[in-house]
Protein backbone atom coordinates (compact mmCIF):
# COMPACT_ATOMS: atom_id res chain seq x y z
CA MET A 1 -70.40 -33.57 -10.44
CA SER A 2 -66.88 -34.11 -11.77
CA ASP A 3 -65.45 -33.61 -8.30
CA THR A 4 -67.49 -36.50 -6.85
CA PRO A 5 -65.24 -39.37 -8.08
CA ILE A 6 -62.14 -37.50 -6.85
CA ALA A 7 -63.68 -36.84 -3.43
CA HIS A 8 -64.81 -40.47 -3.26
CA SER A 9 -61.31 -41.66 -4.17
CA LYS A 10 -59.73 -39.44 -1.51
CA PHE A 11 -62.24 -40.70 1.06
CA LEU A 12 -61.41 -44.33 0.24
CA THR A 13 -57.68 -43.57 0.38
CA GLY A 14 -58.14 -41.95 3.79
CA CYS A 15 -60.16 -44.91 5.07
CA HIS A 16 -57.55 -47.34 3.76
CA PHE A 17 -54.79 -45.38 5.47
CA ILE A 18 -56.68 -45.41 8.80
CA MET A 19 -57.29 -49.15 8.48
CA ARG A 20 -53.59 -49.76 7.83
CA LEU A 21 -52.64 -47.77 10.94
CA ALA A 22 -55.15 -49.72 13.03
CA TYR A 23 -53.88 -53.03 11.60
CA VAL A 24 -50.25 -52.18 12.37
CA ASN A 25 -51.27 -51.26 15.91
CA LEU A 26 -53.07 -54.61 16.25
CA LEU A 27 -49.90 -56.38 15.12
CA TRP A 28 -47.93 -54.45 17.73
CA VAL A 29 -50.32 -55.57 20.49
CA CYS A 30 -50.29 -59.21 19.36
CA PHE A 31 -46.53 -59.49 18.96
CA THR A 32 -45.83 -57.60 22.18
CA LEU A 33 -47.97 -60.18 23.98
CA LEU A 34 -46.28 -62.95 21.99
CA GLY A 35 -42.99 -61.82 23.50
CA LEU A 36 -44.55 -61.88 26.99
CA LEU A 37 -44.55 -58.05 27.11
CA PHE A 38 -41.01 -57.76 28.46
CA PHE A 39 -39.33 -59.40 25.46
CA GLY A 40 -41.93 -58.33 22.90
CA ILE A 41 -42.28 -54.58 23.31
CA PHE A 42 -39.01 -53.50 21.70
CA PRO A 43 -39.01 -55.83 18.66
CA ALA A 44 -42.70 -55.09 18.10
CA THR A 45 -42.07 -51.33 18.28
CA ILE A 46 -39.11 -51.54 15.89
CA ALA A 47 -41.27 -53.66 13.58
CA VAL A 48 -43.97 -50.95 13.59
CA LEU A 49 -41.44 -48.20 12.80
CA ASP A 50 -39.73 -50.22 10.06
CA THR A 51 -43.03 -51.32 8.49
CA ILE A 52 -44.27 -47.72 8.34
CA ARG A 53 -40.92 -46.62 6.93
CA LYS A 54 -41.19 -49.23 4.15
CA TRP A 55 -44.75 -48.32 3.22
CA ASN A 56 -43.71 -44.64 3.05
CA ILE A 57 -40.87 -45.54 0.69
CA ARG A 58 -42.44 -48.28 -1.44
CA ASN A 59 -46.17 -47.67 -0.92
CA GLU A 60 -46.69 -51.43 -1.15
CA HIS A 61 -49.19 -53.45 0.84
CA THR A 62 -46.96 -56.05 2.49
CA ILE A 63 -47.59 -54.97 6.06
CA SER A 64 -47.83 -58.42 7.64
CA LEU A 65 -44.76 -59.78 5.88
CA ASP A 66 -42.68 -56.67 6.64
CA PHE A 67 -43.76 -56.64 10.27
CA ILE A 68 -43.09 -60.33 10.93
CA HIS A 69 -39.76 -60.27 9.08
CA THR A 70 -38.50 -57.26 11.06
CA TYR A 71 -39.82 -58.64 14.36
CA LYS A 72 -37.94 -61.92 13.91
CA ARG A 73 -34.78 -60.28 12.55
CA GLU A 74 -34.54 -57.64 15.28
CA PHE A 75 -35.82 -59.67 18.24
CA LEU A 76 -32.50 -60.19 20.04
CA LYS A 77 -30.76 -56.98 18.99
CA SER A 78 -33.69 -54.67 19.72
CA ASN A 79 -34.12 -56.20 23.18
CA LEU A 80 -30.42 -55.79 23.89
CA TYR A 81 -30.32 -52.18 22.71
CA GLY A 82 -33.75 -51.28 24.05
CA TRP A 83 -33.42 -52.61 27.59
CA GLY A 84 -29.78 -51.57 27.80
CA TRP A 85 -30.61 -47.99 26.83
CA THR A 86 -33.71 -47.96 29.08
CA LEU A 87 -31.68 -49.13 32.07
CA PHE A 88 -28.92 -46.61 31.38
CA THR A 89 -31.25 -43.61 30.95
CA THR A 90 -33.46 -44.59 33.90
CA LEU A 91 -30.53 -44.90 36.30
CA LEU A 92 -29.01 -41.69 34.97
CA ILE A 93 -32.26 -39.70 35.29
CA ILE A 94 -32.89 -41.07 38.80
CA GLY A 95 -29.35 -40.12 39.76
CA LEU A 96 -29.81 -36.65 38.29
CA ALA A 97 -33.15 -36.24 40.09
CA HIS A 98 -31.49 -36.95 43.45
CA PHE A 99 -28.63 -34.63 42.55
CA VAL A 100 -31.00 -31.78 41.61
CA VAL A 101 -32.34 -31.64 45.17
CA SER A 102 -28.91 -30.98 46.64
CA ILE A 103 -27.63 -28.28 44.26
CA GLN A 104 -28.34 -24.61 43.73
CA HIS A 105 -31.40 -23.51 41.81
CA TYR A 106 -29.72 -22.33 38.59
CA PHE A 107 -27.85 -25.62 38.25
CA GLN A 108 -31.15 -27.48 38.43
CA PHE A 109 -32.22 -26.08 35.05
CA ILE A 110 -29.00 -27.39 33.49
CA ILE A 111 -29.63 -30.89 34.88
CA ILE A 112 -33.28 -30.85 33.78
CA GLY A 113 -32.21 -29.65 30.33
CA PHE A 114 -29.72 -32.51 30.10
CA ALA A 115 -32.47 -35.00 31.02
CA CYS A 116 -34.70 -33.56 28.27
CA ILE A 117 -31.89 -33.93 25.73
CA LEU A 118 -31.47 -37.54 26.84
CA LEU A 119 -35.17 -38.18 26.21
CA ILE A 120 -34.98 -36.57 22.75
CA ILE A 121 -32.01 -38.79 21.89
CA SER A 122 -34.14 -41.74 23.01
CA ILE A 123 -36.72 -40.72 20.38
CA TYR A 124 -34.16 -40.31 17.59
CA PHE A 125 -32.37 -43.58 18.43
CA PRO A 126 -35.01 -46.02 17.04
CA LEU A 127 -35.71 -43.73 14.07
CA LEU A 128 -32.02 -43.88 13.15
CA TYR A 129 -31.89 -47.59 13.93
CA ILE A 130 -34.51 -48.54 11.31
CA HIS A 131 -32.86 -46.36 8.64
CA TYR A 132 -29.12 -46.90 9.11
CA ARG A 133 -26.74 -49.61 10.29
CA LEU A 134 -24.41 -47.93 12.78
CA THR A 135 -22.70 -48.72 16.06
CA VAL A 136 -24.47 -47.80 19.31
CA LYS A 137 -21.94 -45.02 19.84
CA ASN A 138 -22.67 -43.55 16.40
CA TYR A 139 -26.43 -43.81 16.92
CA ILE A 140 -26.08 -41.72 20.08
CA LYS A 141 -23.66 -39.24 18.48
CA THR A 142 -25.88 -38.80 15.42
CA ALA A 143 -29.02 -38.40 17.54
CA PHE A 144 -27.25 -35.80 19.67
CA ALA A 145 -26.09 -33.91 16.56
CA LEU A 146 -29.54 -33.95 14.94
CA THR A 147 -31.11 -32.60 18.13
CA PHE A 148 -29.07 -29.38 17.89
CA LEU A 149 -28.28 -29.06 14.18
CA TYR A 150 -31.91 -29.47 13.10
CA PRO A 151 -33.96 -28.08 16.01
CA HIS A 152 -36.99 -27.39 13.77
CA PHE A 153 -37.27 -31.11 12.93
CA THR A 154 -36.72 -32.01 16.57
CA LEU A 155 -39.47 -29.58 17.56
CA LEU A 156 -41.77 -31.03 14.91
CA ILE A 157 -41.25 -34.54 16.27
CA ILE A 158 -41.96 -33.34 19.83
CA VAL A 159 -45.08 -31.46 18.70
CA SER A 160 -46.27 -34.58 16.86
CA LEU A 161 -45.93 -36.68 20.01
CA LEU A 162 -47.66 -34.01 22.10
CA PHE A 163 -50.48 -33.90 19.57
CA CYS A 164 -50.92 -37.68 19.88
CA TYR A 165 -50.89 -37.40 23.67
CA MET A 166 -53.59 -34.70 23.66
CA LEU A 167 -55.66 -36.62 21.09
CA PHE A 168 -55.60 -39.81 23.18
CA LEU A 169 -56.30 -37.78 26.32
CA PHE A 170 -59.48 -36.28 24.86
CA ILE A 171 -60.54 -39.34 22.81
CA PRO A 172 -59.34 -42.38 24.81
CA GLY A 173 -61.38 -44.66 22.55
CA LEU A 174 -58.66 -44.25 19.93
CA ILE A 175 -55.97 -45.75 22.18
CA PRO A 176 -56.63 -49.45 21.37
CA PHE A 177 -56.40 -48.70 17.63
CA PHE A 178 -53.67 -46.07 17.28
CA LEU A 179 -51.62 -45.91 20.50
CA VAL A 180 -48.34 -46.85 18.79
CA SER A 181 -49.07 -46.67 15.07
CA LEU A 182 -50.15 -43.00 14.93
CA PRO A 183 -47.14 -41.48 16.75
CA ALA A 184 -44.91 -43.94 14.86
CA TRP A 185 -46.29 -42.79 11.49
CA MET A 186 -45.88 -39.10 12.41
CA THR A 187 -42.31 -39.41 13.71
CA VAL A 188 -41.19 -41.72 10.90
CA SER A 189 -42.62 -39.30 8.30
CA VAL A 190 -40.68 -36.38 9.81
CA SER A 191 -37.47 -38.39 10.19
CA LEU A 192 -37.64 -39.75 6.62
CA TYR A 193 -37.93 -36.21 5.27
CA LEU A 194 -34.93 -35.17 7.38
CA PHE A 195 -32.80 -38.20 6.44
CA ASN A 196 -33.61 -37.82 2.73
CA LYS A 197 -32.65 -34.15 2.94
CA LEU A 198 -29.33 -35.04 4.59
CA GLU A 199 -28.59 -37.74 2.01
CA THR A 200 -29.39 -35.34 -0.85
CA GLN A 201 -27.05 -32.73 0.64
CA ALA A 202 -24.31 -35.36 1.03
CA ARG A 203 -24.55 -36.28 -2.67
CA VAL A 204 -24.22 -32.67 -3.85
């Protein structure tokens, strides 16, 4: 009988966590629409990542305030970085795709590998952005370094995103509630552990 209050407490904690994820996802939808999709998607996504980062660090319940503050603060900068990087990577990948057709087979794997690295850097970029204040060049350099120096963390982030993809594929009813918040929570949790580890090593 003594285990019942503990189990009940864990159940309530789990339910509260799920509700928070769903609420953050709802905020993402609302503020993406508020920015007319095109201008809202990047600040809303950065706001989700930063809000989850803050609740992981502080464990405080200021989700709405954190989200709105980050959305307003990062509106212009996140759109500039986000659409600039999207345009750059899209044009580069399209160019590489056309180039792959005209070259020998073994070179194609090199080009495809480069495109995959570019996509991984695109995942690390916003995770670094919410944690550090760097130049665009240093964001890219740091993301590139993390990809190869810590492949186990990179693999864990990729596996987390693949897990979310498979989960949404088999249970599409979860998409309206956790499409952005669940993968954001998983990737932010991994990246926070990595960044804290790096900062601890730097202080030694």
